[in-house]
Protein backbone atom coordinates (compact mmCIF):
# COMPACT_ATOMS: atom_id res chain seq x y z
CA UNK A 1 -28.73 47.73 -73.69
CA UNK A 2 -26.70 44.85 -75.12
CA UNK A 3 -23.64 47.11 -75.13
CA UNK A 4 -23.89 47.22 -71.34
CA UNK A 5 -23.34 50.11 -68.97
CA UNK A 6 -25.65 52.48 -67.15
CA UNK A 7 -29.17 53.18 -68.35
CA UNK A 8 -31.51 55.45 -66.46
CA UNK A 9 -34.89 53.77 -66.08
CA UNK A 10 -36.61 57.00 -67.14
CA UNK A 11 -34.67 56.78 -70.45
CA UNK A 12 -35.72 53.25 -71.39
CA UNK A 13 -38.41 54.51 -73.78
CA UNK A 14 -39.70 51.74 -76.05
CA UNK A 15 -37.97 49.08 -73.94
CA UNK A 16 -40.82 49.38 -71.44
CA UNK A 17 -43.21 48.16 -74.14
CA UNK A 18 -41.10 45.01 -74.55
CA UNK A 19 -41.15 44.51 -70.76
CA UNK A 20 -44.95 44.88 -70.66
CA UNK A 21 -45.28 42.54 -73.66
CA UNK A 22 -43.24 39.86 -71.85
CA UNK A 23 -45.48 40.30 -68.81
CA UNK A 24 -48.62 39.91 -70.94
CA UNK A 25 -47.31 36.76 -72.69
CA UNK A 26 -45.83 35.05 -69.61
CA UNK A 27 -49.10 33.68 -68.13
CA UNK A 28 -49.79 31.75 -71.36
CA UNK A 29 -46.21 30.43 -71.38
CA UNK A 30 -46.51 29.26 -67.80
CA UNK A 31 -49.87 27.59 -68.52
CA UNK A 32 -48.25 25.45 -71.26
CA UNK A 33 -49.02 21.75 -70.89
CA UNK A 34 -46.62 20.34 -73.48
CA UNK A 35 -42.99 20.98 -74.37
CA UNK A 36 -43.99 21.95 -77.92
CA UNK A 37 -46.48 24.50 -76.58
CA UNK A 38 -43.81 25.88 -74.24
CA UNK A 39 -41.33 26.20 -77.12
CA UNK A 40 -43.89 28.04 -79.24
CA UNK A 41 -44.87 30.48 -76.50
CA UNK A 42 -41.32 31.13 -75.28
CA UNK A 43 -40.16 31.59 -78.89
CA UNK A 44 -42.78 34.33 -79.21
CA UNK A 45 -41.48 36.08 -76.08
CA UNK A 46 -37.79 35.92 -77.06
CA UNK A 47 -38.41 36.68 -80.72
CA UNK A 48 -36.57 33.68 -82.16
CA UNK A 49 -37.43 30.02 -82.64
CA UNK A 50 -36.27 27.69 -79.89
CA UNK A 51 -34.67 24.55 -81.31
CA UNK A 52 -36.72 21.35 -81.04
CA UNK A 53 -33.93 19.78 -78.97
CA UNK A 54 -34.18 22.43 -76.24
CA UNK A 55 -36.49 21.95 -73.26
CA UNK A 56 -37.59 24.60 -70.78
CA UNK A 57 -39.86 23.50 -67.95
CA UNK A 58 -42.43 26.02 -66.77
CA UNK A 59 -42.81 28.13 -64.84
CA UNK A 60 -40.15 30.28 -66.46
CA UNK A 61 -39.76 33.98 -65.76
CA UNK A 62 -38.22 36.78 -67.80
CA UNK A 63 -38.62 40.52 -67.59
CA UNK A 64 -37.69 41.30 -71.22
CA UNK A 65 -37.15 38.14 -73.25
CA UNK A 66 -35.82 39.68 -76.46
CA UNK A 67 -32.19 39.42 -75.26
CA UNK A 68 -32.19 35.66 -74.56
CA UNK A 69 -30.50 33.22 -76.96
CA UNK A 70 -30.64 29.44 -76.50
CA UNK A 71 -28.45 26.85 -78.19
CA UNK A 72 -29.37 23.27 -79.03
CA UNK A 73 -29.95 20.44 -76.54
CA UNK A 74 -30.38 22.91 -73.67
CA UNK A 75 -32.35 21.81 -70.60
CA UNK A 76 -33.77 24.34 -68.16
CA UNK A 77 -35.65 23.04 -65.13
CA UNK A 78 -38.65 24.57 -63.32
CA UNK A 79 -38.93 28.09 -61.86
CA UNK A 80 -35.88 29.76 -63.41
CA UNK A 81 -35.66 33.55 -63.71
CA UNK A 82 -33.76 35.24 -66.54
CA UNK A 83 -33.49 39.04 -66.19
CA UNK A 84 -32.09 39.63 -69.64
CA UNK A 85 -31.95 43.36 -70.40
CA UNK A 86 -28.15 43.05 -70.61
CA UNK A 87 -28.29 39.87 -72.74
CA UNK A 88 -28.16 36.17 -71.90
CA UNK A 89 -26.64 33.53 -74.17
CA UNK A 90 -26.97 29.85 -73.29
CA UNK A 91 -24.85 27.74 -75.64
CA UNK A 92 -25.41 24.14 -76.75
CA UNK A 93 -25.74 21.23 -74.29
CA UNK A 94 -26.16 23.41 -71.17
CA UNK A 95 -28.14 22.07 -68.21
CA UNK A 96 -29.75 24.50 -65.77
CA UNK A 97 -31.29 23.27 -62.53
CA UNK A 98 -34.52 24.46 -60.90
CA UNK A 99 -34.83 27.94 -59.42
CA UNK A 100 -31.67 29.25 -61.09
CA UNK A 101 -31.40 33.03 -61.52
CA UNK A 102 -29.49 34.64 -64.39
CA UNK A 103 -29.40 38.37 -63.61
CA UNK A 104 -27.88 40.84 -66.10
CA UNK A 105 -29.06 43.93 -64.22
CA UNK A 106 -27.64 45.69 -61.21
CA UNK A 107 -27.88 49.16 -59.66
CA UNK A 108 -25.07 51.64 -58.96
CA UNK A 109 -23.79 52.01 -55.39
CA UNK A 110 -24.07 55.81 -55.66
CA UNK A 111 -27.45 56.75 -54.12
CA UNK A 112 -27.91 59.54 -56.68
CA UNK A 113 -27.75 56.99 -59.53
CA UNK A 114 -29.35 54.05 -57.78
CA UNK A 115 -32.51 54.07 -59.91
CA UNK A 116 -30.39 53.51 -63.00
CA UNK A 117 -29.63 50.03 -64.30
CA UNK A 118 -26.07 48.79 -64.78
CA UNK A 119 -26.32 46.16 -67.51
CA UNK A 120 -23.78 43.42 -68.29
CA UNK A 121 -24.36 40.28 -70.34
CA UNK A 122 -24.15 36.67 -69.16
CA UNK A 123 -22.68 33.85 -71.24
CA UNK A 124 -23.14 30.21 -70.31
CA UNK A 125 -20.75 28.24 -72.51
CA UNK A 126 -21.21 24.82 -74.06
CA UNK A 127 -21.88 21.83 -71.81
CA UNK A 128 -21.97 23.83 -68.55
CA UNK A 129 -24.17 22.66 -65.68
CA UNK A 130 -25.76 25.18 -63.33
CA UNK A 131 -27.01 23.57 -60.10
CA UNK A 132 -30.35 24.19 -58.40
CA UNK A 133 -30.87 27.60 -56.88
CA UNK A 134 -27.63 29.09 -58.19
CA UNK A 135 -27.49 32.78 -59.08
CA UNK A 136 -25.30 34.09 -61.89
CA UNK A 137 -24.71 37.85 -61.62
CA UNK A 138 -24.15 40.50 -64.33
CA UNK A 139 -21.09 40.21 -66.55
CA UNK A 140 -20.29 36.58 -65.73
CA UNK A 141 -19.16 33.95 -68.23
CA UNK A 142 -19.49 30.34 -67.12
CA UNK A 143 -16.85 28.32 -68.96
CA UNK A 144 -17.23 25.30 -71.18
CA UNK A 145 -17.86 22.01 -69.31
CA UNK A 146 -17.96 23.87 -65.97
CA UNK A 147 -20.21 23.14 -63.01
CA UNK A 148 -21.77 25.72 -60.71
CA UNK A 149 -22.81 24.04 -57.45
CA UNK A 150 -26.34 24.31 -56.13
CA UNK A 151 -26.98 27.53 -54.25
CA UNK A 152 -23.80 29.25 -55.46
CA UNK A 153 -23.72 32.98 -56.12
CA UNK A 154 -21.37 33.58 -59.06
CA UNK A 155 -20.01 37.12 -59.33
CA UNK A 156 -16.82 36.36 -61.32
CA UNK A 157 -16.09 34.41 -64.49
CA UNK A 158 -15.82 30.63 -64.18
CA UNK A 159 -12.94 29.07 -66.14
CA UNK A 160 -13.52 26.21 -68.57
CA UNK A 161 -13.64 22.78 -66.87
CA UNK A 162 -13.98 24.24 -63.36
CA UNK A 163 -16.30 23.42 -60.48
CA UNK A 164 -17.29 26.40 -58.32
CA UNK A 165 -19.53 26.73 -55.29
CA UNK A 166 -20.40 28.87 -52.30
CA UNK A 167 -21.33 32.48 -51.62
CA UNK A 168 -19.55 34.07 -53.32
CA UNK A 169 -18.60 31.17 -55.56
CA UNK A 170 -15.02 29.97 -55.31
CA UNK A 171 -13.04 27.41 -57.29
CA UNK A 172 -13.45 23.91 -55.80
CA UNK A 173 -11.62 21.76 -58.31
CA UNK A 174 -11.23 20.98 -61.99
CA UNK A 175 -13.65 18.74 -63.85
CA UNK A 176 -11.93 15.36 -64.21
């Protein structure tokens, strides 16, 4: 899956068990009442320890979990959704606003293949800021120090030190 490309949903095999595991563990995550409890429960879902400098506010939603990697000093606000079959990496010092969607999964246009998944990873580079309600689509890299405006839909890579916004997101200006 991390290699990307088409996967038929009827060929996912053991991956479904990971999906169902994430679904079983998510209610406990989203009932967390402390940041430490959240880190512990989310670490269990993603299969690696979340650094003590990283904060994720609940609720937080993921359909797989095992393909998410967080850096240090990351802040993720309430009600974010990470569909991570294709892989999501959030580097150090990233800030993500509430209700942001990181989506690594799409479906082919061809009706005969539409039930397949087309997977592409997402990379959010160091010190990026993703505004409230933004959606980052499969295969996108958000550059270092960049800003994605609230509500933007990002379907193409964002250069380092760029501000983008709109639907679809377009370059607004450079970070000064």
